[in-house]
Amino acid sequence: MPQMSPMSWILLLVSFTIMIISVISMMYFTYLPKRTAKRSKNIKVLLKELNSNTRYWKW
């Protein structure tokens, strides 16, 4: 195998860290919903209100 340039090493590190972060976020979102169910409901309500507002603005 040819020797890897520093740029390729940096890219490897970046991709690896992104993978780790995505895995951690998946764990976070699978284990936390029980505690933060109320918050997510509030966020959904807010999103619905925003959607209705944008519908009115389109008119």
N, C-alpha and C. Protein backbone atom coordinates (compact mmCIF):
# COMPACT_ATOMS: atom_id res chain seq x y z
N MET A 1 0.84 -1.21 0.00
CA MET A 1 0.00 0.00 0.00
C MET A 1 0.87 1.26 0.00
N PRO A 2 0.50 2.27 -0.74
CA PRO A 2 1.28 3.53 -0.74
C PRO A 2 1.08 4.29 0.56
N GLN A 3 2.07 5.09 0.90
CA GLN A 3 1.95 5.87 2.13
C GLN A 3 0.86 6.94 1.97
N MET A 4 0.12 7.16 3.07
CA MET A 4 -0.97 8.12 3.01
C MET A 4 -0.46 9.52 3.29
N SER A 5 -0.98 10.48 2.54
CA SER A 5 -0.60 11.88 2.76
C SER A 5 -1.32 12.42 3.99
N PRO A 6 -0.80 13.49 4.60
CA PRO A 6 -1.44 14.04 5.80
C PRO A 6 -2.89 14.43 5.56
N MET A 7 -3.20 14.94 4.36
CA MET A 7 -4.57 15.33 4.07
C MET A 7 -5.51 14.13 4.17
N SER A 8 -5.11 13.00 3.63
CA SER A 8 -5.97 11.81 3.69
C SER A 8 -6.14 11.36 5.13
N TRP A 9 -5.08 11.48 5.93
CA TRP A 9 -5.20 11.13 7.35
C TRP A 9 -6.22 12.03 8.03
N ILE A 10 -6.16 13.33 7.72
CA ILE A 10 -7.11 14.28 8.32
C ILE A 10 -8.54 13.91 7.92
N LEU A 11 -8.71 13.59 6.63
CA LEU A 11 -10.05 13.21 6.16
C LEU A 11 -10.54 11.96 6.89
N LEU A 12 -9.65 11.00 7.07
CA LEU A 12 -10.02 9.78 7.79
C LEU A 12 -10.47 10.12 9.21
N LEU A 13 -9.67 10.94 9.89
CA LEU A 13 -10.02 11.33 11.26
C LEU A 13 -11.38 12.03 11.30
N VAL A 14 -11.61 12.94 10.36
CA VAL A 14 -12.87 13.69 10.33
C VAL A 14 -14.04 12.74 10.13
N SER A 15 -13.92 11.84 9.16
CA SER A 15 -15.01 10.90 8.90
C SER A 15 -15.26 10.01 10.12
N PHE A 16 -14.19 9.59 10.78
CA PHE A 16 -14.32 8.74 11.97
C PHE A 16 -15.06 9.48 13.08
N THR A 17 -14.66 10.75 13.32
CA THR A 17 -15.32 11.53 14.36
C THR A 17 -16.80 11.74 14.02
N ILE A 18 -17.09 11.97 12.75
CA ILE A 18 -18.49 12.16 12.34
C ILE A 18 -19.29 10.89 12.62
N MET A 19 -18.69 9.75 12.32
CA MET A 19 -19.37 8.48 12.60
C MET A 19 -19.65 8.35 14.10
N ILE A 20 -18.65 8.63 14.92
CA ILE A 20 -18.82 8.51 16.38
C ILE A 20 -19.92 9.44 16.86
N ILE A 21 -19.91 10.68 16.35
CA ILE A 21 -20.91 11.67 16.77
C ILE A 21 -22.31 11.20 16.37
N SER A 22 -22.44 10.65 15.16
CA SER A 22 -23.75 10.18 14.71
C SER A 22 -24.24 9.03 15.59
N VAL A 23 -23.34 8.11 15.92
CA VAL A 23 -23.72 6.98 16.79
C VAL A 23 -24.17 7.50 18.15
N ILE A 24 -23.40 8.45 18.71
CA ILE A 24 -23.75 8.99 20.03
C ILE A 24 -25.10 9.70 19.97
N SER A 25 -25.34 10.46 18.90
CA SER A 25 -26.61 11.17 18.78
C SER A 25 -27.77 10.18 18.64
N MET A 26 -27.54 9.07 17.91
CA MET A 26 -28.58 8.05 17.79
C MET A 26 -28.90 7.48 19.17
N MET A 27 -27.87 7.14 19.94
CA MET A 27 -28.08 6.62 21.29
C MET A 27 -28.86 7.64 22.12
N TYR A 28 -28.41 8.91 22.03
CA TYR A 28 -29.02 10.01 22.78
C TYR A 28 -30.52 10.09 22.46
N PHE A 29 -30.85 10.03 21.16
CA PHE A 29 -32.25 10.19 20.76
C PHE A 29 -33.08 8.94 21.04
N THR A 30 -32.44 7.77 21.18
CA THR A 30 -33.22 6.56 21.49
C THR A 30 -33.45 6.43 22.99
N TYR A 31 -32.51 6.92 23.81
CA TYR A 31 -32.65 6.73 25.25
C TYR A 31 -33.35 7.89 25.96
N LEU A 32 -33.31 9.11 25.36
CA LEU A 32 -33.84 10.27 26.06
C LEU A 32 -35.33 10.55 25.86
N PRO A 33 -35.99 10.09 24.79
CA PRO A 33 -37.37 10.55 24.51
C PRO A 33 -38.31 10.42 25.70
N LYS A 34 -38.10 9.42 26.56
CA LYS A 34 -38.99 9.23 27.70
C LYS A 34 -38.98 10.44 28.62
N ARG A 35 -37.80 11.02 28.81
CA ARG A 35 -37.67 12.17 29.71
C ARG A 35 -38.16 13.45 29.04
N THR A 36 -37.87 13.62 27.75
CA THR A 36 -38.13 14.89 27.08
C THR A 36 -39.34 14.80 26.15
N ALA A 37 -40.32 13.96 26.50
CA ALA A 37 -41.50 13.83 25.65
C ALA A 37 -42.29 15.13 25.62
N LYS A 38 -42.43 15.78 26.78
CA LYS A 38 -43.20 17.03 26.84
C LYS A 38 -42.56 18.09 25.95
N ARG A 39 -41.24 18.19 26.01
CA ARG A 39 -40.55 19.20 25.21
C ARG A 39 -40.79 18.95 23.72
N SER A 40 -40.66 17.72 23.30
CA SER A 40 -40.83 17.41 21.88
C SER A 40 -42.25 17.73 21.44
N LYS A 41 -43.23 17.47 22.33
CA LYS A 41 -44.62 17.81 21.99
C LYS A 41 -44.76 19.31 21.79
N ASN A 42 -44.14 20.09 22.70
CA ASN A 42 -44.19 21.54 22.55
C ASN A 42 -43.57 21.98 21.23
N ILE A 43 -42.43 21.35 20.88
CA ILE A 43 -41.76 21.69 19.63
C ILE A 43 -42.67 21.37 18.45
N LYS A 44 -43.35 20.21 18.50
CA LYS A 44 -44.27 19.85 17.42
C LYS A 44 -45.38 20.88 17.28
N VAL A 45 -45.92 21.32 18.42
CA VAL A 45 -46.98 22.34 18.39
C VAL A 45 -46.45 23.62 17.76
N LEU A 46 -45.25 24.01 18.15
CA LEU A 46 -44.65 25.21 17.59
C LEU A 46 -44.49 25.08 16.08
N LEU A 47 -44.01 23.91 15.63
CA LEU A 47 -43.85 23.70 14.20
C LEU A 47 -45.19 23.78 13.48
N LYS A 48 -46.23 23.20 14.06
CA LYS A 48 -47.56 23.28 13.45
C LYS A 48 -48.00 24.73 13.32
N GLU A 49 -47.79 25.53 14.38
CA GLU A 49 -48.16 26.94 14.33
C GLU A 49 -47.38 27.67 13.24
N LEU A 50 -46.08 27.37 13.14
CA LEU A 50 -45.28 28.00 12.10
C LEU A 50 -45.80 27.64 10.72
N ASN A 51 -46.14 26.37 10.52
CA ASN A 51 -46.67 25.93 9.23
C ASN A 51 -47.95 26.68 8.89
N SER A 52 -48.87 26.81 9.86
CA SER A 52 -50.13 27.52 9.60
C SER A 52 -49.84 28.98 9.28
N ASN A 53 -48.88 29.59 10.00
CA ASN A 53 -48.53 30.98 9.73
C ASN A 53 -48.00 31.14 8.31
N THR A 54 -47.14 30.23 7.88
CA THR A 54 -46.59 30.33 6.53
C THR A 54 -47.71 30.16 5.50
N ARG A 55 -48.69 29.32 5.80
CA ARG A 55 -49.83 29.17 4.88
C ARG A 55 -50.56 30.50 4.73
N TYR A 56 -50.76 31.19 5.84
CA TYR A 56 -51.43 32.49 5.77
C TYR A 56 -50.59 33.50 4.99
N TRP A 57 -49.28 33.46 5.21
CA TRP A 57 -48.40 34.40 4.51
C TRP A 57 -48.42 34.17 3.01
N LYS A 58 -48.55 32.92 2.59
CA LYS A 58 -48.59 32.64 1.16
C LYS A 58 -49.78 33.33 0.51
N TRP A 59 -50.91 33.41 1.22
CA TRP A 59 -52.07 34.11 0.66
C TRP A 59 -51.75 35.61 0.58
